[in-house]
All heavy atoms as atom14 arrays in JSON, in Angstrom:
{
  "sequence": "DRAQFDYSLGVARRIGRIDAQLAWTGGGPGTDVYRGRARSRQAVTL",
  "atom14_mask": [
    [1, 1, 1, 1, 1, 1, 1, 1, 0, 0, 0, 0, 0, 0],
    [1, 1, 1, 1, 1, 1, 1, 1, 1, 1, 1, 0, 0, 0],
    [1, 1, 1, 1, 1, 0, 0, 0, 0, 0, 0, 0, 0, 0],
    [1, 1, 1, 1, 1, 1, 1, 1, 1, 0, 0, 0, 0, 0],
    [1, 1, 1, 1, 1, 1, 1, 1, 1, 1, 1, 0, 0, 0],
    [1, 1, 1, 1, 1, 1, 1, 1, 0, 0, 0, 0, 0, 0],
    [1, 1, 1, 1, 1, 1, 1, 1, 1, 1, 1, 1, 0, 0],
    [1, 1, 1, 1, 1, 1, 0, 0, 0, 0, 0, 0, 0, 0],
    [1, 1, 1, 1, 1, 1, 1, 1, 0, 0, 0, 0, 0, 0],
    [1, 1, 1, 1, 0, 0, 0, 0, 0, 0, 0, 0, 0, 0],
    [1, 1, 1, 1, 1, 1, 1, 0, 0, 0, 0, 0, 0, 0],
    [1, 1, 1, 1, 1, 0, 0, 0, 0, 0, 0, 0, 0, 0],
    [1, 1, 1, 1, 1, 1, 1, 1, 1, 1, 1, 0, 0, 0],
    [1, 1, 1, 1, 1, 1, 1, 1, 1, 1, 1, 0, 0, 0],
    [1, 1, 1, 1, 1, 1, 1, 1, 0, 0, 0, 0, 0, 0],
    [1, 1, 1, 1, 0, 0, 0, 0, 0, 0, 0, 0, 0, 0],
    [1, 1, 1, 1, 1, 1, 1, 1, 1, 1, 1, 0, 0, 0],
    [1, 1, 1, 1, 1, 1, 1, 1, 0, 0, 0, 0, 0, 0],
    [1, 1, 1, 1, 1, 1, 1, 1, 0, 0, 0, 0, 0, 0],
    [1, 1, 1, 1, 1, 0, 0, 0, 0, 0, 0, 0, 0, 0],
    [1, 1, 1, 1, 1, 1, 1, 1, 1, 0, 0, 0, 0, 0],
    [1, 1, 1, 1, 1, 1, 1, 1, 0, 0, 0, 0, 0, 0],
    [1, 1, 1, 1, 1, 0, 0, 0, 0, 0, 0, 0, 0, 0],
    [1, 1, 1, 1, 1, 1, 1, 1, 1, 1, 1, 1, 1, 1],
    [1, 1, 1, 1, 1, 1, 1, 0, 0, 0, 0, 0, 0, 0],
    [1, 1, 1, 1, 0, 0, 0, 0, 0, 0, 0, 0, 0, 0],
    [1, 1, 1, 1, 0, 0, 0, 0, 0, 0, 0, 0, 0, 0],
    [1, 1, 1, 1, 0, 0, 0, 0, 0, 0, 0, 0, 0, 0],
    [1, 1, 1, 1, 1, 1, 1, 0, 0, 0, 0, 0, 0, 0],
    [1, 1, 1, 1, 0, 0, 0, 0, 0, 0, 0, 0, 0, 0],
    [1, 1, 1, 1, 1, 1, 1, 0, 0, 0, 0, 0, 0, 0],
    [1, 1, 1, 1, 1, 1, 1, 1, 0, 0, 0, 0, 0, 0],
    [1, 1, 1, 1, 1, 1, 1, 0, 0, 0, 0, 0, 0, 0],
    [1, 1, 1, 1, 1, 1, 1, 1, 1, 1, 1, 1, 0, 0],
    [1, 1, 1, 1, 1, 1, 1, 1, 1, 1, 1, 0, 0, 0],
    [1, 1, 1, 1, 0, 0, 0, 0, 0, 0, 0, 0, 0, 0],
    [1, 1, 1, 1, 1, 1, 1, 1, 1, 1, 1, 0, 0, 0],
    [1, 1, 1, 1, 1, 0, 0, 0, 0, 0, 0, 0, 0, 0],
    [1, 1, 1, 1, 1, 1, 1, 1, 1, 1, 1, 0, 0, 0],
    [1, 1, 1, 1, 1, 1, 0, 0, 0, 0, 0, 0, 0, 0],
    [1, 1, 1, 1, 1, 1, 1, 1, 1, 1, 1, 0, 0, 0],
    [1, 1, 1, 1, 1, 1, 1, 1, 1, 0, 0, 0, 0, 0],
    [1, 1, 1, 1, 1, 0, 0, 0, 0, 0, 0, 0, 0, 0],
    [1, 1, 1, 1, 1, 1, 1, 0, 0, 0, 0, 0, 0, 0],
    [1, 1, 1, 1, 1, 1, 1, 0, 0, 0, 0, 0, 0, 0],
    [1, 1, 1, 1, 1, 1, 1, 1, 0, 0, 0, 0, 0, 0]
  ],
  "atom14_positions": [
    [[-47.62, 5.18, -30.43], [-48.65, 6.2, -30.53], [-48.03, 7.58, -30.69], [-47.08, 7.94, -29.99], [-49.53, 6.2, -29.27], [-50.23, 4.88, -29.06], [-51.28, 4.66, -29.68], [-49.71, 4.05, -28.28], [0.0, 0.0, 0.0], [0.0, 0.0, 0.0], [0.0, 0.0, 0.0], [0.0, 0.0, 0.0], [0.0, 0.0, 0.0], [0.0, 0.0, 0.0]],
    [[-48.59, 8.39, -31.59], [-48.08, 9.74, -31.81], [-48.39, 10.67, -30.65], [-47.65, 11.61, -30.39], [-48.66, 10.32, -33.1], [-48.06, 9.72, -34.35], [-48.4, 10.52, -35.59], [-47.7, 9.97, -36.76], [-46.46, 10.27, -37.08], [-45.78, 11.14, -36.36], [-45.89, 9.72, -38.14], [0.0, 0.0, 0.0], [0.0, 0.0, 0.0], [0.0, 0.0, 0.0]],
    [[-49.5, 10.46, -29.98], [-49.89, 11.31, -28.85], [-49.71, 10.53, -27.55], [-50.16, 9.38, -27.43], [-51.34, 11.75, -29.01], [0.0, 0.0, 0.0], [0.0, 0.0, 0.0], [0.0, 0.0, 0.0], [0.0, 0.0, 0.0], [0.0, 0.0, 0.0], [0.0, 0.0, 0.0], [0.0, 0.0, 0.0], [0.0, 0.0, 0.0], [0.0, 0.0, 0.0]],
    [[-49.04, 11.14, -26.58], [-48.82, 10.52, -25.29], [-49.09, 11.55, -24.19], [-49.06, 12.75, -24.42], [-47.38, 10.0, -25.18], [-47.03, 8.97, -26.23], [-45.63, 8.42, -26.08], [-44.96, 8.63, -25.07], [-45.16, 7.71, -27.1], [0.0, 0.0, 0.0], [0.0, 0.0, 0.0], [0.0, 0.0, 0.0], [0.0, 0.0, 0.0], [0.0, 0.0, 0.0]],
    [[-49.35, 11.05, -22.99], [-49.61, 11.95, -21.87], [-49.07, 11.35, -20.58], [-48.84, 10.14, -20.49], [-51.12, 12.22, -21.74], [-51.93, 10.98, -21.42], [-52.17, 10.6, -20.11], [-52.46, 10.21, -22.44], [-52.91, 9.46, -19.82], [-53.2, 9.07, -22.17], [-53.42, 8.69, -20.85], [0.0, 0.0, 0.0], [0.0, 0.0, 0.0], [0.0, 0.0, 0.0]],
    [[-48.85, 12.21, -19.6], [-48.45, 11.76, -18.27], [-49.01, 12.71, -17.24], [-49.38, 13.86, -17.55], [-46.93, 11.66, -18.16], [-46.24, 13.0, -18.31], [-46.04, 13.44, -19.46], [-45.89, 13.61, -17.28], [0.0, 0.0, 0.0], [0.0, 0.0, 0.0], [0.0, 0.0, 0.0], [0.0, 0.0, 0.0], [0.0, 0.0, 0.0], [0.0, 0.0, 0.0]],
    [[-49.08, 12.26, -16.01], [-49.67, 13.07, -14.94], [-49.15, 12.59, -13.59], [-48.63, 11.47, -13.45], [-51.2, 12.95, -14.96], [-51.69, 11.52, -14.87], [-51.84, 10.88, -13.65], [-51.94, 10.79, -16.04], [-52.26, 9.56, -13.58], [-52.36, 9.48, -15.98], [-52.52, 8.86, -14.74], [-52.93, 7.55, -14.68], [0.0, 0.0, 0.0], [0.0, 0.0, 0.0]],
    [[-49.31, 13.44, -12.57], [-49.0, 13.04, -11.2], [-49.73, 13.97, -10.24], [-49.96, 15.15, -10.52], [-47.5, 13.07, -10.93], [-47.0, 14.4, -10.98], [0.0, 0.0, 0.0], [0.0, 0.0, 0.0], [0.0, 0.0, 0.0], [0.0, 0.0, 0.0], [0.0, 0.0, 0.0], [0.0, 0.0, 0.0], [0.0, 0.0, 0.0], [0.0, 0.0, 0.0]],
    [[-50.1, 13.41, -9.09], [-50.68, 14.15, -7.98], [-49.91, 13.74, -6.74], [-49.65, 12.54, -6.52], [-52.16, 13.82, -7.8], [-53.1, 14.24, -8.94], [-54.5, 13.66, -8.7], [-53.19, 15.76, -9.01], [0.0, 0.0, 0.0], [0.0, 0.0, 0.0], [0.0, 0.0, 0.0], [0.0, 0.0, 0.0], [0.0, 0.0, 0.0], [0.0, 0.0, 0.0]],
    [[-49.51, 14.71, -5.92], [-48.69, 14.35, -4.77], [-48.81, 15.32, -3.62], [-49.4, 16.4, -3.73], [0.0, 0.0, 0.0], [0.0, 0.0, 0.0], [0.0, 0.0, 0.0], [0.0, 0.0, 0.0], [0.0, 0.0, 0.0], [0.0, 0.0, 0.0], [0.0, 0.0, 0.0], [0.0, 0.0, 0.0], [0.0, 0.0, 0.0], [0.0, 0.0, 0.0]],
    [[-48.23, 14.92, -2.52], [-48.13, 15.77, -1.34], [-46.68, 15.76, -0.88], [-46.01, 14.72, -0.94], [-49.08, 15.27, -0.22], [-48.76, 13.82, 0.17], [-48.98, 16.17, 1.01], [0.0, 0.0, 0.0], [0.0, 0.0, 0.0], [0.0, 0.0, 0.0], [0.0, 0.0, 0.0], [0.0, 0.0, 0.0], [0.0, 0.0, 0.0], [0.0, 0.0, 0.0]],
    [[-46.18, 16.9, -0.47], [-44.78, 17.03, -0.05], [-44.71, 17.68, 1.31], [-45.52, 18.56, 1.65], [-43.98, 17.84, -1.07], [0.0, 0.0, 0.0], [0.0, 0.0, 0.0], [0.0, 0.0, 0.0], [0.0, 0.0, 0.0], [0.0, 0.0, 0.0], [0.0, 0.0, 0.0], [0.0, 0.0, 0.0], [0.0, 0.0, 0.0], [0.0, 0.0, 0.0]],
    [[-43.72, 17.28, 2.09], [-43.5, 17.82, 3.43], [-42.02, 18.07, 3.62], [-41.2, 17.19, 3.4], [-44.01, 16.83, 4.47], [-43.6, 17.11, 5.9], [-44.24, 18.37, 6.45], [-44.07, 18.46, 7.9], [-44.2, 19.59, 8.59], [-44.52, 20.72, 7.97], [-44.06, 19.57, 9.9], [0.0, 0.0, 0.0], [0.0, 0.0, 0.0], [0.0, 0.0, 0.0]],
    [[-41.67, 19.3, 4.01], [-40.29, 19.62, 4.3], [-40.04, 19.48, 5.8], [-40.75, 20.06, 6.62], [-39.94, 21.04, 3.86], [-38.47, 21.4, 4.11], [-38.08, 22.67, 3.41], [-38.08, 22.53, 1.97], [-37.07, 22.0, 1.28], [-35.99, 21.54, 1.91], [-37.13, 21.91, -0.03], [0.0, 0.0, 0.0], [0.0, 0.0, 0.0], [0.0, 0.0, 0.0]],
    [[-39.02, 18.68, 6.11], [-38.64, 18.44, 7.5], [-37.16, 18.76, 7.62], [-36.3, 17.97, 7.24], [-38.9, 16.98, 7.92], [-40.36, 16.6, 7.62], [-38.59, 16.79, 9.4], [-40.65, 15.13, 7.81], [0.0, 0.0, 0.0], [0.0, 0.0, 0.0], [0.0, 0.0, 0.0], [0.0, 0.0, 0.0], [0.0, 0.0, 0.0], [0.0, 0.0, 0.0]],
    [[-36.84, 19.96, 8.11], [-35.45, 20.4, 8.15], [-34.91, 20.53, 6.75], [-35.47, 21.25, 5.92], [0.0, 0.0, 0.0], [0.0, 0.0, 0.0], [0.0, 0.0, 0.0], [0.0, 0.0, 0.0], [0.0, 0.0, 0.0], [0.0, 0.0, 0.0], [0.0, 0.0, 0.0], [0.0, 0.0, 0.0], [0.0, 0.0, 0.0], [0.0, 0.0, 0.0]],
    [[-33.83, 19.83, 6.44], [-33.22, 19.87, 5.11], [-33.76, 18.79, 4.19], [-33.38, 18.72, 3.02], [-31.7, 19.73, 5.23], [-31.03, 20.87, 5.99], [-29.55, 20.59, 6.19], [-28.87, 20.41, 4.92], [-27.65, 19.88, 4.79], [-27.01, 19.42, 5.86], [-27.09, 19.78, 3.61], [0.0, 0.0, 0.0], [0.0, 0.0, 0.0], [0.0, 0.0, 0.0]],
    [[-34.65, 17.95, 4.71], [-35.21, 16.85, 3.93], [-36.57, 17.24, 3.36], [-37.43, 17.78, 4.07], [-35.36, 15.58, 4.79], [-34.01, 15.17, 5.38], [-35.97, 14.45, 3.97], [-33.0, 14.74, 4.35], [0.0, 0.0, 0.0], [0.0, 0.0, 0.0], [0.0, 0.0, 0.0], [0.0, 0.0, 0.0], [0.0, 0.0, 0.0], [0.0, 0.0, 0.0]],
    [[-36.75, 16.98, 2.06], [-38.04, 17.19, 1.42], [-38.57, 15.82, 1.02], [-37.96, 15.12, 0.21], [-37.9, 18.08, 0.19], [-39.25, 18.5, -0.37], [-39.91, 19.31, 0.29], [-39.63, 18.01, -1.46], [0.0, 0.0, 0.0], [0.0, 0.0, 0.0], [0.0, 0.0, 0.0], [0.0, 0.0, 0.0], [0.0, 0.0, 0.0], [0.0, 0.0, 0.0]],
    [[-39.71, 15.41, 1.61], [-40.3, 14.1, 1.33], [-41.54, 14.28, 0.47], [-42.33, 15.21, 0.7], [-40.65, 13.39, 2.62], [0.0, 0.0, 0.0], [0.0, 0.0, 0.0], [0.0, 0.0, 0.0], [0.0, 0.0, 0.0], [0.0, 0.0, 0.0], [0.0, 0.0, 0.0], [0.0, 0.0, 0.0], [0.0, 0.0, 0.0], [0.0, 0.0, 0.0]],
    [[-41.73, 13.39, -0.53], [-42.88, 13.48, -1.42], [-43.51, 12.11, -1.63], [-42.82, 11.11, -1.84], [-42.47, 14.05, -2.78], [-42.01, 15.49, -2.75], [-41.84, 16.08, -4.14], [-42.42, 15.59, -5.1], [-41.05, 17.13, -4.25], [0.0, 0.0, 0.0], [0.0, 0.0, 0.0], [0.0, 0.0, 0.0], [0.0, 0.0, 0.0], [0.0, 0.0, 0.0]],
    [[-44.84, 12.09, -1.57], [-45.62, 10.9, -1.88], [-46.49, 11.27, -3.08], [-47.19, 12.28, -3.05], [-46.5, 10.5, -0.69], [-47.44, 9.31, -0.9], [-46.64, 8.03, -1.09], [-48.4, 9.18, 0.27], [0.0, 0.0, 0.0], [0.0, 0.0, 0.0], [0.0, 0.0, 0.0], [0.0, 0.0, 0.0], [0.0, 0.0, 0.0], [0.0, 0.0, 0.0]],
    [[-46.45, 10.46, -4.15], [-47.15, 10.83, -5.37], [-47.79, 9.62, -6.03], [-47.3, 8.5, -5.93], [-46.2, 11.51, -6.35], [0.0, 0.0, 0.0], [0.0, 0.0, 0.0], [0.0, 0.0, 0.0], [0.0, 0.0, 0.0], [0.0, 0.0, 0.0], [0.0, 0.0, 0.0], [0.0, 0.0, 0.0], [0.0, 0.0, 0.0], [0.0, 0.0, 0.0]],
    [[-48.88, 9.89, -6.73], [-49.51, 8.93, -7.62], [-49.24, 9.43, -9.03], [-49.55, 10.56, -9.38], [-51.0, 8.86, -7.36], [-51.74, 7.99, -8.34], [-51.55, 6.66, -8.58], [-52.82, 8.4, -9.19], [-52.43, 6.22, -9.55], [-53.23, 7.26, -9.94], [-53.48, 9.6, -9.41], [-54.25, 7.3, -10.88], [-54.5, 9.64, -10.35], [-54.88, 8.5, -11.07]],
    [[-48.63, 8.59, -9.85], [-48.19, 9.01, -11.17], [-48.59, 7.99, -12.22], [-48.78, 6.8, -11.92], [-46.66, 9.2, -11.19], [-46.23, 9.59, -12.49], [-45.94, 7.93, -10.81], [0.0, 0.0, 0.0], [0.0, 0.0, 0.0], [0.0, 0.0, 0.0], [0.0, 0.0, 0.0], [0.0, 0.0, 0.0], [0.0, 0.0, 0.0], [0.0, 0.0, 0.0]],
    [[-48.73, 8.46, -13.45], [-49.1, 7.55, -14.52], [-48.99, 8.21, -15.88], [-48.55, 9.35, -16.0], [0.0, 0.0, 0.0], [0.0, 0.0, 0.0], [0.0, 0.0, 0.0], [0.0, 0.0, 0.0], [0.0, 0.0, 0.0], [0.0, 0.0, 0.0], [0.0, 0.0, 0.0], [0.0, 0.0, 0.0], [0.0, 0.0, 0.0], [0.0, 0.0, 0.0]],
    [[-49.4, 7.49, -16.9], [-49.32, 8.01, -18.26], [-49.94, 7.02, -19.23], [-50.41, 5.96, -18.85], [0.0, 0.0, 0.0], [0.0, 0.0, 0.0], [0.0, 0.0, 0.0], [0.0, 0.0, 0.0], [0.0, 0.0, 0.0], [0.0, 0.0, 0.0], [0.0, 0.0, 0.0], [0.0, 0.0, 0.0], [0.0, 0.0, 0.0], [0.0, 0.0, 0.0]],
    [[-49.92, 7.4, -20.5], [-50.49, 6.53, -21.5], [-50.27, 7.09, -22.9], [-49.64, 8.12, -23.06], [0.0, 0.0, 0.0], [0.0, 0.0, 0.0], [0.0, 0.0, 0.0], [0.0, 0.0, 0.0], [0.0, 0.0, 0.0], [0.0, 0.0, 0.0], [0.0, 0.0, 0.0], [0.0, 0.0, 0.0], [0.0, 0.0, 0.0], [0.0, 0.0, 0.0]],
    [[-50.78, 6.42, -23.9], [-51.49, 5.14, -23.79], [-50.53, 3.96, -23.66], [-49.32, 4.13, -23.78], [-52.27, 5.08, -25.1], [-51.4, 5.84, -26.06], [-50.79, 6.96, -25.26], [0.0, 0.0, 0.0], [0.0, 0.0, 0.0], [0.0, 0.0, 0.0], [0.0, 0.0, 0.0], [0.0, 0.0, 0.0], [0.0, 0.0, 0.0], [0.0, 0.0, 0.0]],
    [[-51.07, 2.78, -23.45], [-50.24, 1.58, -23.38], [-49.72, 1.28, -21.99], [-50.07, 1.94, -21.01], [0.0, 0.0, 0.0], [0.0, 0.0, 0.0], [0.0, 0.0, 0.0], [0.0, 0.0, 0.0], [0.0, 0.0, 0.0], [0.0, 0.0, 0.0], [0.0, 0.0, 0.0], [0.0, 0.0, 0.0], [0.0, 0.0, 0.0], [0.0, 0.0, 0.0]],
    [[-48.88, 0.29, -21.91], [-48.3, -0.17, -20.65], [-46.79, -0.16, -20.74], [-46.2, -0.03, -21.81], [-48.77, -1.6, -20.33], [-48.34, -2.47, -21.37], [-50.28, -1.68, -20.19], [0.0, 0.0, 0.0], [0.0, 0.0, 0.0], [0.0, 0.0, 0.0], [0.0, 0.0, 0.0], [0.0, 0.0, 0.0], [0.0, 0.0, 0.0], [0.0, 0.0, 0.0]],
    [[-46.14, -0.25, -19.59], [-44.7, -0.48, -19.54], [-44.43, -1.98, -19.7], [-45.27, -2.81, -19.35], [-44.12, -0.02, -18.2], [-43.67, 1.42, -18.23], [-43.47, 1.95, -19.33], [-43.53, 2.01, -17.16], [0.0, 0.0, 0.0], [0.0, 0.0, 0.0], [0.0, 0.0, 0.0], [0.0, 0.0, 0.0], [0.0, 0.0, 0.0], [0.0, 0.0, 0.0]],
    [[-43.26, -2.32, -20.17], [-42.82, -3.72, -20.21], [-41.43, -3.77, -19.61], [-40.48, -3.2, -20.15], [-42.8, -4.29, -21.65], [-42.29, -5.73, -21.62], [-44.17, -4.21, -22.27], [0.0, 0.0, 0.0], [0.0, 0.0, 0.0], [0.0, 0.0, 0.0], [0.0, 0.0, 0.0], [0.0, 0.0, 0.0], [0.0, 0.0, 0.0], [0.0, 0.0, 0.0]],
    [[-41.29, -4.43, -18.47], [-39.98, -4.63, -17.87], [-39.99, -5.9, -17.03], [-41.02, -6.36, -16.57], [-39.53, -3.43, -17.04], [-40.47, -2.93, -15.98], [-40.43, -3.45, -14.69], [-41.37, -1.9, -16.25], [-41.27, -2.97, -13.7], [-42.22, -1.43, -15.27], [-42.16, -1.97, -14.0], [-43.01, -1.49, -13.02], [0.0, 0.0, 0.0], [0.0, 0.0, 0.0]],
    [[-38.78, -6.47, -16.9], [-38.6, -7.78, -16.27], [-39.52, -8.82, -16.9], [-40.06, -9.7, -16.23], [-38.83, -7.66, -14.75], [-37.63, -7.1, -14.02], [-37.83, -7.05, -12.53], [-38.55, -5.84, -12.14], [-39.06, -5.64, -10.93], [-38.95, -6.58, -10.02], [-39.68, -4.52, -10.64], [0.0, 0.0, 0.0], [0.0, 0.0, 0.0], [0.0, 0.0, 0.0]],
    [[-39.69, -8.71, -18.24], [-40.41, -9.72, -18.99], [-41.91, -9.68, -18.88], [-42.6, -10.58, -19.38], [0.0, 0.0, 0.0], [0.0, 0.0, 0.0], [0.0, 0.0, 0.0], [0.0, 0.0, 0.0], [0.0, 0.0, 0.0], [0.0, 0.0, 0.0], [0.0, 0.0, 0.0], [0.0, 0.0, 0.0], [0.0, 0.0, 0.0], [0.0, 0.0, 0.0]],
    [[-42.48, -8.6, -18.27], [-43.92, -8.54, -18.07], [-44.45, -7.16, -18.43], [-43.76, -6.16, -18.23], [-44.28, -8.86, -16.61], [-43.99, -10.28, -16.17], [-44.28, -10.43, -14.69], [-45.63, -9.99, -14.34], [-46.07, -9.82, -13.09], [-45.25, -10.05, -12.07], [-47.31, -9.43, -12.87], [0.0, 0.0, 0.0], [0.0, 0.0, 0.0], [0.0, 0.0, 0.0]],
    [[-45.68, -7.11, -18.95], [-46.36, -5.84, -19.17], [-46.87, -5.34, -17.83], [-47.46, -6.1, -17.04], [-47.52, -6.03, -20.14], [0.0, 0.0, 0.0], [0.0, 0.0, 0.0], [0.0, 0.0, 0.0], [0.0, 0.0, 0.0], [0.0, 0.0, 0.0], [0.0, 0.0, 0.0], [0.0, 0.0, 0.0], [0.0, 0.0, 0.0], [0.0, 0.0, 0.0]],
    [[-46.64, -4.04, -17.56], [-47.02, -3.49, -16.27], [-47.74, -2.16, -16.46], [-47.52, -1.44, -17.41], [-45.78, -3.29, -15.38], [-45.05, -4.6, -15.11], [-43.78, -4.38, -14.32], [-43.05, -5.64, -14.15], [-43.19, -6.46, -13.11], [-44.04, -6.13, -12.15], [-42.5, -7.57, -13.03], [0.0, 0.0, 0.0], [0.0, 0.0, 0.0], [0.0, 0.0, 0.0]],
    [[-48.59, -1.86, -15.51], [-49.37, -0.63, -15.57], [-48.45, 0.59, -15.55], [-47.39, 0.58, -14.91], [-50.34, -0.56, -14.38], [-50.93, 0.72, -14.28], [0.0, 0.0, 0.0], [0.0, 0.0, 0.0], [0.0, 0.0, 0.0], [0.0, 0.0, 0.0], [0.0, 0.0, 0.0], [0.0, 0.0, 0.0], [0.0, 0.0, 0.0], [0.0, 0.0, 0.0]],
    [[-48.86, 1.66, -16.25], [-48.11, 2.91, -16.2], [-48.35, 3.66, -14.9], [-47.65, 4.62, -14.59], [-48.53, 3.79, -17.39], [-48.18, 3.23, -18.76], [-46.74, 3.48, -19.14], [-46.49, 4.89, -19.34], [-46.71, 5.54, -20.48], [-47.22, 4.9, -21.51], [-46.43, 6.82, -20.6], [0.0, 0.0, 0.0], [0.0, 0.0, 0.0], [0.0, 0.0, 0.0]],
    [[-49.35, 3.28, -14.12], [-49.65, 3.94, -12.87], [-48.79, 3.38, -11.74], [-48.5, 2.18, -11.71], [-51.12, 3.8, -12.51], [-52.06, 4.45, -13.51], [-53.51, 4.31, -13.13], [-53.85, 3.64, -12.16], [-54.39, 4.96, -13.88], [0.0, 0.0, 0.0], [0.0, 0.0, 0.0], [0.0, 0.0, 0.0], [0.0, 0.0, 0.0], [0.0, 0.0, 0.0]],
    [[-48.38, 4.26, -10.83], [-47.56, 3.82, -9.7], [-47.66, 4.83, -8.56], [-47.94, 6.01, -8.78], [-46.1, 3.66, -10.12], [0.0, 0.0, 0.0], [0.0, 0.0, 0.0], [0.0, 0.0, 0.0], [0.0, 0.0, 0.0], [0.0, 0.0, 0.0], [0.0, 0.0, 0.0], [0.0, 0.0, 0.0], [0.0, 0.0, 0.0], [0.0, 0.0, 0.0]],
    [[-47.43, 4.35, -7.37], [-47.31, 5.21, -6.19], [-45.84, 5.28, -5.84], [-45.17, 4.25, -5.7], [-48.12, 4.67, -5.0], [-47.87, 5.52, -3.76], [-49.61, 4.65, -5.34], [0.0, 0.0, 0.0], [0.0, 0.0, 0.0], [0.0, 0.0, 0.0], [0.0, 0.0, 0.0], [0.0, 0.0, 0.0], [0.0, 0.0, 0.0], [0.0, 0.0, 0.0]],
    [[-45.32, 6.49, -5.74], [-43.89, 6.66, -5.46], [-43.68, 7.45, -4.18], [-44.45, 8.35, -3.84], [-43.18, 7.4, -6.61], [-43.73, 8.72, -6.75], [-43.35, 6.64, -7.92], [0.0, 0.0, 0.0], [0.0, 0.0, 0.0], [0.0, 0.0, 0.0], [0.0, 0.0, 0.0], [0.0, 0.0, 0.0], [0.0, 0.0, 0.0], [0.0, 0.0, 0.0]],
    [[-42.61, 7.1, -3.5], [-42.17, 7.81, -2.3], [-40.73, 8.24, -2.52], [-39.89, 7.42, -2.92], [-42.27, 6.9, -1.07], [-41.81, 7.51, 0.25], [-42.67, 8.71, 0.64], [-41.83, 6.46, 1.37], [0.0, 0.0, 0.0], [0.0, 0.0, 0.0], [0.0, 0.0, 0.0], [0.0, 0.0, 0.0], [0.0, 0.0, 0.0], [0.0, 0.0, 0.0]]
  ]
}
C-alpha cells in the first residue's frame, strides 16, 4: 500500500532513574507476518 499509518497511546511513570511505559500501539493497513503466521498490527507493550 502506498499510504500507511501508525499510532500509539500510553502512560509513563518515572521511578528514580527508571522510566516505565505501558502503551497500546498499532498501524495499517494489513497485518504483520512472522513465525509463519499473519498477526495483528495492534499490540500492548511494556
